[in-house]
C-alpha atoms as a PDB file:
ATOM      1  CA  UNK A   1       0.000   0.000   0.000  1.00  0.00           C
ATOM      2  CA  UNK A   2       1.275   3.459  -0.908  1.00  0.00           C
ATOM      3  CA  UNK A   3       1.728   5.961   1.856  1.00  0.00           C
ATOM      4  CA  UNK A   4       0.411   9.509   1.384  1.00  0.00           C
ATOM      5  CA  UNK A   5       2.998  12.054   0.344  1.00  0.00           C
ATOM      6  CA  UNK A   6       3.793  15.552   1.513  1.00  0.00           C
ATOM      7  CA  UNK A   7       5.245  18.499  -0.370  1.00  0.00           C
ATOM      8  CA  UNK A   8       8.815  17.299   0.127  1.00  0.00           C
ATOM      9  CA  UNK A   9       8.217  14.259  -2.061  1.00  0.00           C
ATOM     10  CA  UNK A  10       8.172  16.491  -5.145  1.00  0.00           C
ATOM     11  CA  UNK A  11      10.023  19.488  -3.760  1.00  0.00           C
ATOM     12  CA  UNK A  12      13.420  17.785  -3.470  1.00  0.00           C
ATOM     13  CA  UNK A  13      13.800  16.730  -7.123  1.00  0.00           C
ATOM     14  CA  UNK A  14      12.311  20.048  -8.256  1.00  0.00           C
ATOM     15  CA  UNK A  15      14.743  22.018  -6.088  1.00  0.00           C
ATOM     16  CA  UNK A  16      17.661  20.016  -7.482  1.00  0.00           C
ATOM     17  CA  UNK A  17      16.574  20.680 -11.057  1.00  0.00           C
ATOM     18  CA  UNK A  18      15.986  24.378 -10.417  1.00  0.00           C
ATOM     19  CA  UNK A  19      19.434  24.651  -8.817  1.00  0.00           C
ATOM     20  CA  UNK A  20      21.011  22.825 -11.753  1.00  0.00           C
ATOM     21  CA  UNK A  21      19.255  25.104 -14.253  1.00  0.00           C
ATOM     22  CA  UNK A  22      20.577  28.132 -12.369  1.00  0.00           C
ATOM     23  CA  UNK A  23      24.125  26.779 -12.330  1.00  0.00           C
ATOM     24  CA  UNK A  24      24.013  26.054  -8.600  1.00  0.00           C
ATOM     25  CA  UNK A  25      23.364  22.332  -8.615  1.00  0.00           C
ATOM     26  CA  UNK A  26      25.498  19.261  -8.989  1.00  0.00           C
ATOM     27  CA  UNK A  27      26.755  18.044 -12.327  1.00  0.00           C
ATOM     28  CA  UNK A  28      25.444  14.681 -13.442  1.00  0.00           C
ATOM     29  CA  UNK A  29      28.145  12.253 -14.530  1.00  0.00           C
ATOM     30  CA  UNK A  30      27.958  10.965 -18.099  1.00  0.00           C
ATOM     31  CA  UNK A  31      27.317   7.408 -16.957  1.00  0.00           C
ATOM     32  CA  UNK A  32      24.307   8.566 -14.871  1.00  0.00           C
ATOM     33  CA  UNK A  33      22.853  11.142 -17.270  1.00  0.00           C
ATOM     34  CA  UNK A  34      20.359   8.863 -19.038  1.00  0.00           C
ATOM     35  CA  UNK A  35      19.059   7.339 -15.803  1.00  0.00           C
ATOM     36  CA  UNK A  36      18.818  10.770 -14.183  1.00  0.00           C
ATOM     37  CA  UNK A  37      16.871  12.286 -17.079  1.00  0.00           C
ATOM     38  CA  UNK A  38      14.574   9.246 -17.101  1.00  0.00           C
ATOM     39  CA  UNK A  39      13.908   9.688 -13.382  1.00  0.00           C
ATOM     40  CA  UNK A  40      13.119  13.382 -13.842  1.00  0.00           C
ATOM     41  CA  UNK A  41      10.736  12.612 -16.704  1.00  0.00           C
ATOM     42  CA  UNK A  42       8.944  10.062 -14.492  1.00  0.00           C
ATOM     43  CA  UNK A  43       7.875  12.757 -12.064  1.00  0.00           C
ATOM     44  CA  UNK A  44       4.742  13.011 -14.222  1.00  0.00           C
ATOM     45  CA  UNK A  45       3.918   9.401 -13.331  1.00  0.00           C
ATOM     46  CA  UNK A  46       4.529  10.078  -9.642  1.00  0.00           C
ATOM     47  CA  UNK A  47       2.104  12.996  -9.710  1.00  0.00           C
ATOM     48  CA  UNK A  48      -0.504  10.793 -11.383  1.00  0.00           C
ATOM     49  CA  UNK A  49       0.014   7.933  -8.911  1.00  0.00           C
ATOM     50  CA  UNK A  50      -0.710  10.242  -5.995  1.00  0.00           C
ATOM     51  CA  UNK A  51      -3.349  12.379  -7.708  1.00  0.00           C
ATOM     52  CA  UNK A  52      -6.220  10.750  -5.834  1.00  0.00           C
ATOM     53  CA  UNK A  53      -4.865  11.922  -2.465  1.00  0.00           C
ATOM     54  CA  UNK A  54      -5.894  15.056  -0.622  1.00  0.00           C
ATOM     55  CA  UNK A  55      -3.164  17.664  -1.065  1.00  0.00           C
ATOM     56  CA  UNK A  56      -2.588  20.795   0.926  1.00  0.00           C
ATOM     57  CA  UNK A  57      -1.447  23.896  -0.959  1.00  0.00           C
ATOM     58  CA  UNK A  58       2.312  23.291  -0.547  1.00  0.00           C
ATOM     59  CA  UNK A  59       1.921  19.743  -1.895  1.00  0.00           C
ATOM     60  CA  UNK A  60      -0.166  20.981  -4.814  1.00  0.00           C
ATOM     61  CA  UNK A  61       2.426  23.623  -5.690  1.00  0.00           C
ATOM     62  CA  UNK A  62       5.273  21.121  -5.507  1.00  0.00           C
ATOM     63  CA  UNK A  63       3.311  18.666  -7.693  1.00  0.00           C
ATOM     64  CA  UNK A  64       2.670  21.371 -10.298  1.00  0.00           C
ATOM     65  CA  UNK A  65       6.370  22.232 -10.192  1.00  0.00           C
ATOM     66  CA  UNK A  66       7.250  18.554 -10.620  1.00  0.00           C
ATOM     67  CA  UNK A  67       5.081  18.398 -13.743  1.00  0.00           C
ATOM     68  CA  UNK A  68       6.824  21.478 -15.108  1.00  0.00           C
ATOM     69  CA  UNK A  69      10.301  20.079 -14.391  1.00  0.00           C
ATOM     70  CA  UNK A  70       9.429  16.720 -15.923  1.00  0.00           C
ATOM     71  CA  UNK A  71       8.482  18.505 -19.139  1.00  0.00           C
ATOM     72  CA  UNK A  72      11.654  20.618 -19.166  1.00  0.00           C
ATOM     73  CA  UNK A  73       9.981  23.841 -17.990  1.00  0.00           C
ATOM     74  CA  UNK A  74      12.312  24.705 -15.129  1.00  0.00           C
ATOM     75  CA  UNK A  75      11.440  28.428 -15.171  1.00  0.00           C
ATOM     76  CA  UNK A  76       7.752  27.622 -14.690  1.00  0.00           C
ATOM     77  CA  UNK A  77       8.649  25.192 -11.906  1.00  0.00           C
ATOM     78  CA  UNK A  78      10.698  27.872 -10.162  1.00  0.00           C
ATOM     79  CA  UNK A  79       7.924  30.443 -10.500  1.00  0.00           C
ATOM     80  CA  UNK A  80       5.350  28.069  -9.015  1.00  0.00           C
ATOM     81  CA  UNK A  81       7.651  27.072  -6.153  1.00  0.00           C
ATOM     82  CA  UNK A  82       8.072  30.764  -5.306  1.00  0.00           C
ATOM     83  CA  UNK A  83       4.333  31.348  -4.938  1.00  0.00           C
ATOM     84  CA  UNK A  84       3.105  32.305  -1.476  1.00  0.00           C
ATOM     85  CA  UNK A  85      -0.213  33.581  -0.138  1.00  0.00           C
ATOM     86  CA  UNK A  86       0.661  37.217  -0.800  1.00  0.00           C
ATOM     87  CA  UNK A  87       1.778  36.631  -4.383  1.00  0.00           C
ATOM     88  CA  UNK A  88      -1.180  34.364  -5.136  1.00  0.00           C
ATOM     89  CA  UNK A  89      -3.552  37.082  -3.898  1.00  0.00           C
ATOM     90  CA  UNK A  90      -1.803  39.669  -6.075  1.00  0.00           C
ATOM     91  CA  UNK A  91      -2.066  37.395  -9.105  1.00  0.00           C
ATOM     92  CA  UNK A  92      -5.758  36.796  -8.518  1.00  0.00           C
ATOM     93  CA  UNK A  93      -6.394  40.529  -8.183  1.00  0.00           C
ATOM     94  CA  UNK A  94      -3.924  41.362 -10.997  1.00  0.00           C
ATOM     95  CA  UNK A  95      -2.363  43.791  -8.511  1.00  0.00           C
ATOM     96  CA  UNK A  96       1.229  44.302  -9.608  1.00  0.00           C
ATOM     97  CA  UNK A  97       1.818  47.735  -8.056  1.00  0.00           C
END
């Protein structure tokens, strides 16, 4: 039986990929590159496997970021991971002053 997840389940691989995209993460050795990229692309499957669970907002945001990373959209993943209550409210109200 699968255990429920929390935001950290997706946040760790997303944070690693964001750091790598920004030049702050570890290099992946040539012999591990294919396996690593395969694992990152499988984040989509992980989101789907846990999609039936109740998610709090941090878990939802990390899952959305995981989908973005798995599809190569690291900038979108970073933007979503940076959302907080204040920024979400501003986006809803289109208040960018």
